[in-house]
Amino acid sequence: AKKIRHAGAIFMGRYTSESLGDYCAGPN
């Protein structure tokens, strides 16, 4: 992730599905 400069949201690791961010992880 330290190599990523441009992304709206970064989901790290195999258990972090993007859909969790859509609903309830916490970030917008």
mmCIF file of all heavy atoms, coordinates in Angstrom:
data_MODEL
# 
_entry.id   MODEL 
# 
loop_
_atom_site.group_PDB 
_atom_site.id 
_atom_site.type_symbol 
_atom_site.label_atom_id 
_atom_site.label_alt_id 
_atom_site.label_comp_id 
_atom_site.label_asym_id 
_atom_site.label_entity_id 
_atom_site.label_seq_id 
_atom_site.pdbx_PDB_ins_code 
_atom_site.Cartn_x 
_atom_site.Cartn_y 
_atom_site.Cartn_z 
_atom_site.occupancy 
_atom_site.B_iso_or_equiv 
_atom_site.pdbx_formal_charge 
_atom_site.auth_seq_id 
_atom_site.auth_comp_id 
_atom_site.auth_asym_id 
_atom_site.auth_atom_id 
_atom_site.pdbx_PDB_model_num 
ATOM 1   N N   . ALA A 1 1  ? 0.825   -1.211  0.000  1.00 0.00 ? 1  ALA A N   1 
ATOM 2   C CA  . ALA A 1 1  ? 0.000   0.000   0.000  1.00 0.00 ? 1  ALA A CA  1 
ATOM 3   C C   . ALA A 1 1  ? 0.860   1.264   0.000  1.00 0.00 ? 1  ALA A C   1 
ATOM 4   O O   . ALA A 1 1  ? 0.429   2.313   -0.498 1.00 0.00 ? 1  ALA A O   1 
ATOM 5   C CB  . ALA A 1 1  ? -0.933  -0.005  1.211  1.00 0.00 ? 1  ALA A CB  1 
ATOM 6   N N   . LYS A 1 2  ? 2.071   1.161   0.532  1.00 0.00 ? 2  LYS A N   1 
ATOM 7   C CA  . LYS A 1 2  ? 2.966   2.325   0.566  1.00 0.00 ? 2  LYS A CA  1 
ATOM 8   C C   . LYS A 1 2  ? 3.386   2.749   -0.838 1.00 0.00 ? 2  LYS A C   1 
ATOM 9   O O   . LYS A 1 2  ? 3.831   3.885   -1.040 1.00 0.00 ? 2  LYS A O   1 
ATOM 10  C CB  . LYS A 1 2  ? 4.201   2.006   1.400  1.00 0.00 ? 2  LYS A CB  1 
ATOM 11  C CG  . LYS A 1 2  ? 3.897   1.768   2.874  1.00 0.00 ? 2  LYS A CG  1 
ATOM 12  C CD  . LYS A 1 2  ? 5.139   1.324   3.631  1.00 0.00 ? 2  LYS A CD  1 
ATOM 13  C CE  . LYS A 1 2  ? 4.811   1.005   5.087  1.00 0.00 ? 2  LYS A CE  1 
ATOM 14  N NZ  . LYS A 1 2  ? 6.010   0.511   5.832  1.00 0.00 ? 2  LYS A NZ  1 
ATOM 15  N N   . LYS A 1 3  ? 3.239   1.854   -1.792 1.00 0.00 ? 3  LYS A N   1 
ATOM 16  C CA  . LYS A 1 3  ? 3.603   2.179   -3.174 1.00 0.00 ? 3  LYS A CA  1 
ATOM 17  C C   . LYS A 1 3  ? 2.443   2.789   -3.965 1.00 0.00 ? 3  LYS A C   1 
ATOM 18  O O   . LYS A 1 3  ? 2.606   3.190   -5.111 1.00 0.00 ? 3  LYS A O   1 
ATOM 19  C CB  . LYS A 1 3  ? 4.097   0.916   -3.898 1.00 0.00 ? 3  LYS A CB  1 
ATOM 20  C CG  . LYS A 1 3  ? 5.399   0.351   -3.339 1.00 0.00 ? 3  LYS A CG  1 
ATOM 21  C CD  . LYS A 1 3  ? 5.840   -0.877  -4.102 1.00 0.00 ? 3  LYS A CD  1 
ATOM 22  C CE  . LYS A 1 3  ? 7.180   -1.393  -3.578 1.00 0.00 ? 3  LYS A CE  1 
ATOM 23  N NZ  . LYS A 1 3  ? 8.299   -0.484  -3.969 1.00 0.00 ? 3  LYS A NZ  1 
ATOM 24  N N   . ILE A 1 4  ? 1.269   2.847   -3.341 1.00 0.00 ? 4  ILE A N   1 
ATOM 25  C CA  . ILE A 1 4  ? 0.087   3.386   -4.018 1.00 0.00 ? 4  ILE A CA  1 
ATOM 26  C C   . ILE A 1 4  ? -0.057  4.872   -3.701 1.00 0.00 ? 4  ILE A C   1 
ATOM 27  O O   . ILE A 1 4  ? -0.182  5.271   -2.547 1.00 0.00 ? 4  ILE A O   1 
ATOM 28  C CB  . ILE A 1 4  ? -1.186  2.632   -3.582 1.00 0.00 ? 4  ILE A CB  1 
ATOM 29  C CG1 . ILE A 1 4  ? -1.053  1.143   -3.899 1.00 0.00 ? 4  ILE A CG1 1 
ATOM 30  C CG2 . ILE A 1 4  ? -2.407  3.236   -4.267 1.00 0.00 ? 4  ILE A CG2 1 
ATOM 31  C CD1 . ILE A 1 4  ? -0.843  0.829   -5.369 1.00 0.00 ? 4  ILE A CD1 1 
ATOM 32  N N   . ARG A 1 5  ? -0.025  5.678   -4.741 1.00 0.00 ? 5  ARG A N   1 
ATOM 33  C CA  . ARG A 1 5  ? -0.170  7.125   -4.588 1.00 0.00 ? 5  ARG A CA  1 
ATOM 34  C C   . ARG A 1 5  ? -1.579  7.607   -4.919 1.00 0.00 ? 5  ARG A C   1 
ATOM 35  O O   . ARG A 1 5  ? -2.020  8.632   -4.401 1.00 0.00 ? 5  ARG A O   1 
ATOM 36  C CB  . ARG A 1 5  ? 0.829   7.858   -5.501 1.00 0.00 ? 5  ARG A CB  1 
ATOM 37  C CG  . ARG A 1 5  ? 2.274   7.504   -5.234 1.00 0.00 ? 5  ARG A CG  1 
ATOM 38  C CD  . ARG A 1 5  ? 3.225   8.371   -6.041 1.00 0.00 ? 5  ARG A CD  1 
ATOM 39  N NE  . ARG A 1 5  ? 2.952   8.320   -7.477 1.00 0.00 ? 5  ARG A NE  1 
ATOM 40  C CZ  . ARG A 1 5  ? 3.386   7.361   -8.288 1.00 0.00 ? 5  ARG A CZ  1 
ATOM 41  N NH1 . ARG A 1 5  ? 4.098   6.342   -7.801 1.00 0.00 ? 5  ARG A NH1 1 
ATOM 42  N NH2 . ARG A 1 5  ? 3.116   7.396   -9.579 1.00 0.00 ? 5  ARG A NH2 1 
ATOM 43  N N   . HIS A 1 6  ? -2.260  6.894   -5.796 1.00 0.00 ? 6  HIS A N   1 
ATOM 44  C CA  . HIS A 1 6  ? -3.552  7.371   -6.294 1.00 0.00 ? 6  HIS A CA  1 
ATOM 45  C C   . HIS A 1 6  ? -4.604  6.267   -6.237 1.00 0.00 ? 6  HIS A C   1 
ATOM 46  O O   . HIS A 1 6  ? -4.559  5.315   -7.032 1.00 0.00 ? 6  HIS A O   1 
ATOM 47  C CB  . HIS A 1 6  ? -3.421  7.872   -7.736 1.00 0.00 ? 6  HIS A CB  1 
ATOM 48  C CG  . HIS A 1 6  ? -2.283  8.815   -7.955 1.00 0.00 ? 6  HIS A CG  1 
ATOM 49  N ND1 . HIS A 1 6  ? -2.119  9.968   -7.233 1.00 0.00 ? 6  HIS A ND1 1 
ATOM 50  C CD2 . HIS A 1 6  ? -1.237  8.764   -8.835 1.00 0.00 ? 6  HIS A CD2 1 
ATOM 51  C CE1 . HIS A 1 6  ? -1.034  10.594  -7.647 1.00 0.00 ? 6  HIS A CE1 1 
ATOM 52  N NE2 . HIS A 1 6  ? -0.480  9.885   -8.619 1.00 0.00 ? 6  HIS A NE2 1 
ATOM 53  N N   . ALA A 1 7  ? -5.551  6.400   -5.329 1.00 0.00 ? 7  ALA A N   1 
ATOM 54  C CA  . ALA A 1 7  ? -6.691  5.483   -5.251 1.00 0.00 ? 7  ALA A CA  1 
ATOM 55  C C   . ALA A 1 7  ? -7.720  6.098   -4.314 1.00 0.00 ? 7  ALA A C   1 
ATOM 56  O O   . ALA A 1 7  ? -7.351  6.755   -3.330 1.00 0.00 ? 7  ALA A O   1 
ATOM 57  C CB  . ALA A 1 7  ? -6.267  4.109   -4.747 1.00 0.00 ? 7  ALA A CB  1 
ATOM 58  N N   . GLY A 1 8  ? -8.989  5.886   -4.623 1.00 0.00 ? 8  GLY A N   1 
ATOM 59  C CA  . GLY A 1 8  ? -10.021 6.420   -3.743 1.00 0.00 ? 8  GLY A CA  1 
ATOM 60  C C   . GLY A 1 8  ? -10.017 5.721   -2.402 1.00 0.00 ? 8  GLY A C   1 
ATOM 61  O O   . GLY A 1 8  ? -10.005 6.359   -1.350 1.00 0.00 ? 8  GLY A O   1 
ATOM 62  N N   . ALA A 1 9  ? -10.018 4.398   -2.415 1.00 0.00 ? 9  ALA A N   1 
ATOM 63  C CA  . ALA A 1 9  ? -9.932  3.597   -1.196 1.00 0.00 ? 9  ALA A CA  1 
ATOM 64  C C   . ALA A 1 9  ? -9.083  2.377   -1.487 1.00 0.00 ? 9  ALA A C   1 
ATOM 65  O O   . ALA A 1 9  ? -9.180  1.788   -2.565 1.00 0.00 ? 9  ALA A O   1 
ATOM 66  C CB  . ALA A 1 9  ? -11.314 3.184   -0.713 1.00 0.00 ? 9  ALA A CB  1 
ATOM 67  N N   . ILE A 1 10 ? -8.257  1.987   -0.513 1.00 0.00 ? 10 ILE A N   1 
ATOM 68  C CA  . ILE A 1 10 ? -7.364  0.841   -0.667 1.00 0.00 ? 10 ILE A CA  1 
ATOM 69  C C   . ILE A 1 10 ? -7.821  -0.253  0.299  1.00 0.00 ? 10 ILE A C   1 
ATOM 70  O O   . ILE A 1 10 ? -7.853  -0.046  1.517  1.00 0.00 ? 10 ILE A O   1 
ATOM 71  C CB  . ILE A 1 10 ? -5.899  1.235   -0.369 1.00 0.00 ? 10 ILE A CB  1 
ATOM 72  C CG1 . ILE A 1 10 ? -5.467  2.402   -1.272 1.00 0.00 ? 10 ILE A CG1 1 
ATOM 73  C CG2 . ILE A 1 10 ? -4.980  0.042   -0.566 1.00 0.00 ? 10 ILE A CG2 1 
ATOM 74  C CD1 . ILE A 1 10 ? -4.112  2.991   -0.906 1.00 0.00 ? 10 ILE A CD1 1 
ATOM 75  N N   . PHE A 1 11 ? -8.166  -1.399  -0.247 1.00 0.00 ? 11 PHE A N   1 
ATOM 76  C CA  . PHE A 1 11 ? -8.647  -2.535  0.531  1.00 0.00 ? 11 PHE A CA  1 
ATOM 77  C C   . PHE A 1 11 ? -7.497  -3.532  0.632  1.00 0.00 ? 11 PHE A C   1 
ATOM 78  O O   . PHE A 1 11 ? -7.087  -4.111  -0.375 1.00 0.00 ? 11 PHE A O   1 
ATOM 79  C CB  . PHE A 1 11 ? -9.868  -3.162  -0.143 1.00 0.00 ? 11 PHE A CB  1 
ATOM 80  C CG  . PHE A 1 11 ? -11.019 -2.196  -0.278 1.00 0.00 ? 11 PHE A CG  1 
ATOM 81  C CD1 . PHE A 1 11 ? -11.044 -1.257  -1.301 1.00 0.00 ? 11 PHE A CD1 1 
ATOM 82  C CD2 . PHE A 1 11 ? -12.070 -2.216  0.629  1.00 0.00 ? 11 PHE A CD2 1 
ATOM 83  C CE1 . PHE A 1 11 ? -12.091 -0.354  -1.422 1.00 0.00 ? 11 PHE A CE1 1 
ATOM 84  C CE2 . PHE A 1 11 ? -13.123 -1.314  0.517  1.00 0.00 ? 11 PHE A CE2 1 
ATOM 85  C CZ  . PHE A 1 11 ? -13.133 -0.390  -0.506 1.00 0.00 ? 11 PHE A CZ  1 
ATOM 86  N N   . MET A 1 12 ? -7.001  -3.738  1.836  1.00 0.00 ? 12 MET A N   1 
ATOM 87  C CA  . MET A 1 12 ? -5.758  -4.474  2.019  1.00 0.00 ? 12 MET A CA  1 
ATOM 88  C C   . MET A 1 12 ? -6.006  -5.884  2.537  1.00 0.00 ? 12 MET A C   1 
ATOM 89  O O   . MET A 1 12 ? -6.640  -6.079  3.571  1.00 0.00 ? 12 MET A O   1 
ATOM 90  C CB  . MET A 1 12 ? -4.850  -3.706  2.971  1.00 0.00 ? 12 MET A CB  1 
ATOM 91  C CG  . MET A 1 12 ? -4.457  -2.330  2.453  1.00 0.00 ? 12 MET A CG  1 
ATOM 92  S SD  . MET A 1 12 ? -3.318  -1.460  3.562  1.00 0.00 ? 12 MET A SD  1 
ATOM 93  C CE  . MET A 1 12 ? -4.393  -1.144  4.958  1.00 0.00 ? 12 MET A CE  1 
ATOM 94  N N   . GLY A 1 13 ? -5.496  -6.864  1.809  1.00 0.00 ? 13 GLY A N   1 
ATOM 95  C CA  . GLY A 1 13 ? -5.560  -8.243  2.254  1.00 0.00 ? 13 GLY A CA  1 
ATOM 96  C C   . GLY A 1 13 ? -6.718  -9.016  1.658  1.00 0.00 ? 13 GLY A C   1 
ATOM 97  O O   . GLY A 1 13 ? -7.733  -8.456  1.258  1.00 0.00 ? 13 GLY A O   1 
ATOM 98  N N   . ARG A 1 14 ? -6.574  -10.339 1.636  1.00 0.00 ? 14 ARG A N   1 
ATOM 99  C CA  . ARG A 1 14 ? -7.541  -11.178 0.932  1.00 0.00 ? 14 ARG A CA  1 
ATOM 100 C C   . ARG A 1 14 ? -8.908  -11.219 1.593  1.00 0.00 ? 14 ARG A C   1 
ATOM 101 O O   . ARG A 1 14 ? -9.899  -11.556 0.952  1.00 0.00 ? 14 ARG A O   1 
ATOM 102 C CB  . ARG A 1 14 ? -6.970  -12.583 0.774  1.00 0.00 ? 14 ARG A CB  1 
ATOM 103 C CG  . ARG A 1 14 ? -6.762  -13.343 2.061  1.00 0.00 ? 14 ARG A CG  1 
ATOM 104 C CD  . ARG A 1 14 ? -6.237  -14.745 1.791  1.00 0.00 ? 14 ARG A CD  1 
ATOM 105 N NE  . ARG A 1 14 ? -4.918  -14.709 1.154  1.00 0.00 ? 14 ARG A NE  1 
ATOM 106 C CZ  . ARG A 1 14 ? -3.774  -14.723 1.830  1.00 0.00 ? 14 ARG A CZ  1 
ATOM 107 N NH1 . ARG A 1 14 ? -3.796  -14.761 3.157  1.00 0.00 ? 14 ARG A NH1 1 
ATOM 108 N NH2 . ARG A 1 14 ? -2.626  -14.700 1.199  1.00 0.00 ? 14 ARG A NH2 1 
ATOM 109 N N   . TYR A 1 15 ? -8.992  -10.862 2.884  1.00 0.00 ? 15 TYR A N   1 
ATOM 110 C CA  . TYR A 1 15 ? -10.286 -10.911 3.563  1.00 0.00 ? 15 TYR A CA  1 
ATOM 111 C C   . TYR A 1 15 ? -11.064 -9.594  3.453  1.00 0.00 ? 15 TYR A C   1 
ATOM 112 O O   . TYR A 1 15 ? -12.185 -9.502  3.932  1.00 0.00 ? 15 TYR A O   1 
ATOM 113 C CB  . TYR A 1 15 ? -10.095 -11.271 5.038  1.00 0.00 ? 15 TYR A CB  1 
ATOM 114 C CG  . TYR A 1 15 ? -9.695  -12.713 5.233  1.00 0.00 ? 15 TYR A CG  1 
ATOM 115 C CD1 . TYR A 1 15 ? -8.360  -13.042 5.454  1.00 0.00 ? 15 TYR A CD1 1 
ATOM 116 C CD2 . TYR A 1 15 ? -10.632 -13.738 5.149  1.00 0.00 ? 15 TYR A CD2 1 
ATOM 117 C CE1 . TYR A 1 15 ? -7.968  -14.366 5.603  1.00 0.00 ? 15 TYR A CE1 1 
ATOM 118 C CE2 . TYR A 1 15 ? -10.253 -15.067 5.302  1.00 0.00 ? 15 TYR A CE2 1 
ATOM 119 C CZ  . TYR A 1 15 ? -8.926  -15.371 5.529  1.00 0.00 ? 15 TYR A CZ  1 
ATOM 120 O OH  . TYR A 1 15 ? -8.554  -16.679 5.674  1.00 0.00 ? 15 TYR A OH  1 
ATOM 121 N N   . THR A 1 16 ? -10.470 -8.590  2.818  1.00 0.00 ? 16 THR A N   1 
ATOM 122 C CA  . THR A 1 16 ? -11.087 -7.267  2.750  1.00 0.00 ? 16 THR A CA  1 
ATOM 123 C C   . THR A 1 16 ? -11.786 -7.088  1.414  1.00 0.00 ? 16 THR A C   1 
ATOM 124 O O   . THR A 1 16 ? -11.233 -6.515  0.471  1.00 0.00 ? 16 THR A O   1 
ATOM 125 C CB  . THR A 1 16 ? -10.025 -6.168  2.952  1.00 0.00 ? 16 THR A CB  1 
ATOM 126 O OG1 . THR A 1 16 ? -9.207  -6.510  4.066  1.00 0.00 ? 16 THR A OG1 1 
ATOM 127 C CG2 . THR A 1 16 ? -10.690 -4.825  3.220  1.00 0.00 ? 16 THR A CG2 1 
ATOM 128 N N   . SER A 1 17 ? -13.010 -7.580  1.319  1.00 0.00 ? 17 SER A N   1 
ATOM 129 C CA  . SER A 1 17 ? -13.763 -7.385  0.080  1.00 0.00 ? 17 SER A CA  1 
ATOM 130 C C   . SER A 1 17 ? -14.213 -5.930  -0.024 1.00 0.00 ? 17 SER A C   1 
ATOM 131 O O   . SER A 1 17 ? -14.525 -5.286  0.984  1.00 0.00 ? 17 SER A O   1 
ATOM 132 C CB  . SER A 1 17 ? -14.982 -8.315  0.040  1.00 0.00 ? 17 SER A CB  1 
ATOM 133 O OG  . SER A 1 17 ? -15.940 -7.929  0.996  1.00 0.00 ? 17 SER A OG  1 
ATOM 134 N N   . GLU A 1 18 ? -14.259 -5.441  -1.227 1.00 0.00 ? 18 GLU A N   1 
ATOM 135 C CA  . GLU A 1 18 ? -14.685 -4.049  -1.450 1.00 0.00 ? 18 GLU A CA  1 
ATOM 136 C C   . GLU A 1 18 ? -16.080 -3.799  -0.928 1.00 0.00 ? 18 GLU A C   1 
ATOM 137 O O   . GLU A 1 18 ? -16.400 -2.700  -0.469 1.00 0.00 ? 18 GLU A O   1 
ATOM 138 C CB  . GLU A 1 18 ? -14.584 -3.740  -2.951 1.00 0.00 ? 18 GLU A CB  1 
ATOM 139 C CG  . GLU A 1 18 ? -14.926 -2.311  -3.335 1.00 0.00 ? 18 GLU A CG  1 
ATOM 140 C CD  . GLU A 1 18 ? -16.429 -2.085  -3.440 1.00 0.00 ? 18 GLU A CD  1 
ATOM 141 O OE1 . GLU A 1 18 ? -17.134 -3.055  -3.770 1.00 0.00 ? 18 GLU A OE1 1 
ATOM 142 O OE2 . GLU A 1 18 ? -16.885 -0.957  -3.179 1.00 0.00 ? 18 GLU A OE2 1 
ATOM 143 N N   . SER A 1 19 ? -16.931 -4.809  -0.957 1.00 0.00 ? 19 SER A N   1 
ATOM 144 C CA  . SER A 1 19 ? -18.317 -4.618  -0.526 1.00 0.00 ? 19 SER A CA  1 
ATOM 145 C C   . SER A 1 19 ? -18.418 -4.243  0.953  1.00 0.00 ? 19 SER A C   1 
ATOM 146 O O   . SER A 1 19 ? -19.366 -3.562  1.369  1.00 0.00 ? 19 SER A O   1 
ATOM 147 C CB  . SER A 1 19 ? -19.150 -5.867  -0.810 1.00 0.00 ? 19 SER A CB  1 
ATOM 148 O OG  . SER A 1 19 ? -18.581 -7.000  -0.192 1.00 0.00 ? 19 SER A OG  1 
ATOM 149 N N   . LEU A 1 20 ? -17.442 -4.644  1.769  1.00 0.00 ? 20 LEU A N   1 
ATOM 150 C CA  . LEU A 1 20 ? -17.458 -4.239  3.175  1.00 0.00 ? 20 LEU A CA  1 
ATOM 151 C C   . LEU A 1 20 ? -17.304 -2.727  3.295  1.00 0.00 ? 20 LEU A C   1 
ATOM 152 O O   . LEU A 1 20 ? -17.907 -2.093  4.163  1.00 0.00 ? 20 LEU A O   1 
ATOM 153 C CB  . LEU A 1 20 ? -16.339 -4.943  3.945  1.00 0.00 ? 20 LEU A CB  1 
ATOM 154 C CG  . LEU A 1 20 ? -16.382 -6.481  3.969  1.00 0.00 ? 20 LEU A CG  1 
ATOM 155 C CD1 . LEU A 1 20 ? -15.251 -7.026  4.829  1.00 0.00 ? 20 LEU A CD1 1 
ATOM 156 C CD2 . LEU A 1 20 ? -17.731 -6.980  4.470  1.00 0.00 ? 20 LEU A CD2 1 
ATOM 157 N N   . GLY A 1 21 ? -16.501 -2.165  2.415  1.00 0.00 ? 21 GLY A N   1 
ATOM 158 C CA  . GLY A 1 21 ? -16.352 -0.709  2.406  1.00 0.00 ? 21 GLY A CA  1 
ATOM 159 C C   . GLY A 1 21 ? -17.601 0.000   1.944  1.00 0.00 ? 21 GLY A C   1 
ATOM 160 O O   . GLY A 1 21 ? -17.893 1.121   2.364  1.00 0.00 ? 21 GLY A O   1 
ATOM 161 N N   . ASP A 1 22 ? -18.361 -0.651  1.070  1.00 0.00 ? 22 ASP A N   1 
ATOM 162 C CA  . ASP A 1 22 ? -19.604 -0.045  0.588  1.00 0.00 ? 22 ASP A CA  1 
ATOM 163 C C   . ASP A 1 22 ? -20.611 0.146   1.705  1.00 0.00 ? 22 ASP A C   1 
ATOM 164 O O   . ASP A 1 22 ? -21.430 1.079   1.654  1.00 0.00 ? 22 ASP A O   1 
ATOM 165 C CB  . ASP A 1 22 ? -20.234 -0.930  -0.496 1.00 0.00 ? 22 ASP A CB  1 
ATOM 166 C CG  . ASP A 1 22 ? -19.638 -0.695  -1.869 1.00 0.00 ? 22 ASP A CG  1 
ATOM 167 O OD1 . ASP A 1 22 ? -18.917 0.305   -2.039 1.00 0.00 ? 22 ASP A OD1 1 
ATOM 168 O OD2 . ASP A 1 22 ? -19.890 -1.511  -2.773 1.00 0.00 ? 22 ASP A OD2 1 
ATOM 169 N N   . TYR A 1 23 ? -20.586 -0.732  2.698  1.00 0.00 ? 23 TYR A N   1 
ATOM 170 C CA  . TYR A 1 23 ? -21.665 -0.754  3.669  1.00 0.00 ? 23 TYR A CA  1 
ATOM 171 C C   . TYR A 1 23 ? -21.291 -0.440  5.116  1.00 0.00 ? 23 TYR A C   1 
ATOM 172 O O   . TYR A 1 23 ? -21.996 0.326   5.770  1.00 0.00 ? 23 TYR A O   1 
ATOM 173 C CB  . TYR A 1 23 ? -22.350 -2.131  3.637  1.00 0.00 ? 23 TYR A CB  1 
ATOM 174 C CG  . TYR A 1 23 ? -22.997 -2.431  2.321  1.00 0.00 ? 23 TYR A CG  1 
ATOM 175 C CD1 . TYR A 1 23 ? -22.446 -3.369  1.453  1.00 0.00 ? 23 TYR A CD1 1 
ATOM 176 C CD2 . TYR A 1 23 ? -24.150 -1.757  1.913  1.00 0.00 ? 23 TYR A CD2 1 
ATOM 177 C CE1 . TYR A 1 23 ? -23.031 -3.637  0.224  1.00 0.00 ? 23 TYR A CE1 1 
ATOM 178 C CE2 . TYR A 1 23 ? -24.735 -2.018  0.691  1.00 0.00 ? 23 TYR A CE2 1 
ATOM 179 C CZ  . TYR A 1 23 ? -24.171 -2.957  -0.154 1.00 0.00 ? 23 TYR A CZ  1 
ATOM 180 O OH  . TYR A 1 23 ? -24.744 -3.210  -1.374 1.00 0.00 ? 23 TYR A OH  1 
ATOM 181 N N   . CYS A 1 24 ? -20.225 -1.012  5.612  1.00 0.00 ? 24 CYS A N   1 
ATOM 182 C CA  . CYS A 1 24 ? -20.111 -0.976  7.065  1.00 0.00 ? 24 CYS A CA  1 
ATOM 183 C C   . CYS A 1 24 ? -18.705 -0.913  7.633  1.00 0.00 ? 24 CYS A C   1 
ATOM 184 O O   . CYS A 1 24 ? -18.557 -0.884  8.861  1.00 0.00 ? 24 CYS A O   1 
ATOM 185 C CB  . CYS A 1 24 ? -20.833 -2.185  7.659  1.00 0.00 ? 24 CYS A CB  1 
ATOM 186 S SG  . CYS A 1 24 ? -20.215 -3.786  7.026  1.00 0.00 ? 24 CYS A SG  1 
ATOM 187 N N   . ALA A 1 25 ? -17.660 -0.920  6.822  1.00 0.00 ? 25 ALA A N   1 
ATOM 188 C CA  . ALA A 1 25 ? -16.314 -0.905  7.386  1.00 0.00 ? 25 ALA A CA  1 
ATOM 189 C C   . ALA A 1 25 ? -16.082 0.367   8.195  1.00 0.00 ? 25 ALA A C   1 
ATOM 190 O O   . ALA A 1 25 ? -15.513 0.334   9.286  1.00 0.00 ? 25 ALA A O   1 
ATOM 191 C CB  . ALA A 1 25 ? -15.268 -1.040  6.281  1.00 0.00 ? 25 ALA A CB  1 
ATOM 192 N N   . GLY A 1 26 ? -16.522 1.503   7.648  1.00 0.00 ? 26 GLY A N   1 
ATOM 193 C CA  . GLY A 1 26 ? -16.336 2.780   8.336  1.00 0.00 ? 26 GLY A CA  1 
ATOM 194 C C   . GLY A 1 26 ? -15.974 3.921   7.416  1.00 0.00 ? 26 GLY A C   1 
ATOM 195 O O   . GLY A 1 26 ? -16.631 4.968   7.426  1.00 0.00 ? 26 GLY A O   1 
ATOM 196 N N   . PRO A 1 27 ? -14.927 3.790   6.585  1.00 0.00 ? 27 PRO A N   1 
ATOM 197 C CA  . PRO A 1 27 ? -14.603 4.851   5.625  1.00 0.00 ? 27 PRO A CA  1 
ATOM 198 C C   . PRO A 1 27 ? -15.730 5.075   4.619  1.00 0.00 ? 27 PRO A C   1 
ATOM 199 O O   . PRO A 1 27 ? -16.582 4.207   4.421  1.00 0.00 ? 27 PRO A O   1 
ATOM 200 C CB  . PRO A 1 27 ? -13.352 4.305   4.929  1.00 0.00 ? 27 PRO A CB  1 
ATOM 201 C CG  . PRO A 1 27 ? -12.725 3.414   5.940  1.00 0.00 ? 27 PRO A CG  1 
ATOM 202 C CD  . PRO A 1 27 ? -13.883 2.752   6.642  1.00 0.00 ? 27 PRO A CD  1 
ATOM 203 N N   . ASN A 1 28 ? -15.713 6.243   3.992  1.00 0.00 ? 28 ASN A N   1 
ATOM 204 C CA  . ASN A 1 28 ? -16.819 6.617   3.121  1.00 0.00 ? 28 ASN A CA  1 
ATOM 205 C C   . ASN A 1 28 ? -16.763 5.887   1.789  1.00 0.00 ? 28 ASN A C   1 
ATOM 206 O O   . ASN A 1 28 ? -15.683 5.616   1.249  1.00 0.00 ? 28 ASN A O   1 
ATOM 207 C CB  . ASN A 1 28 ? -16.808 8.129   2.870  1.00 0.00 ? 28 ASN A CB  1 
ATOM 208 C CG  . ASN A 1 28 ? -18.212 8.664   2.675  1.00 0.00 ? 28 ASN A CG  1 
ATOM 209 O OD1 . ASN A 1 28 ? -18.812 8.476   1.638  1.00 0.00 ? 28 ASN A OD1 1 
ATOM 210 N ND2 . ASN A 1 28 ? -18.728 9.305   3.707  1.00 0.00 ? 28 ASN A ND2 1 
# 
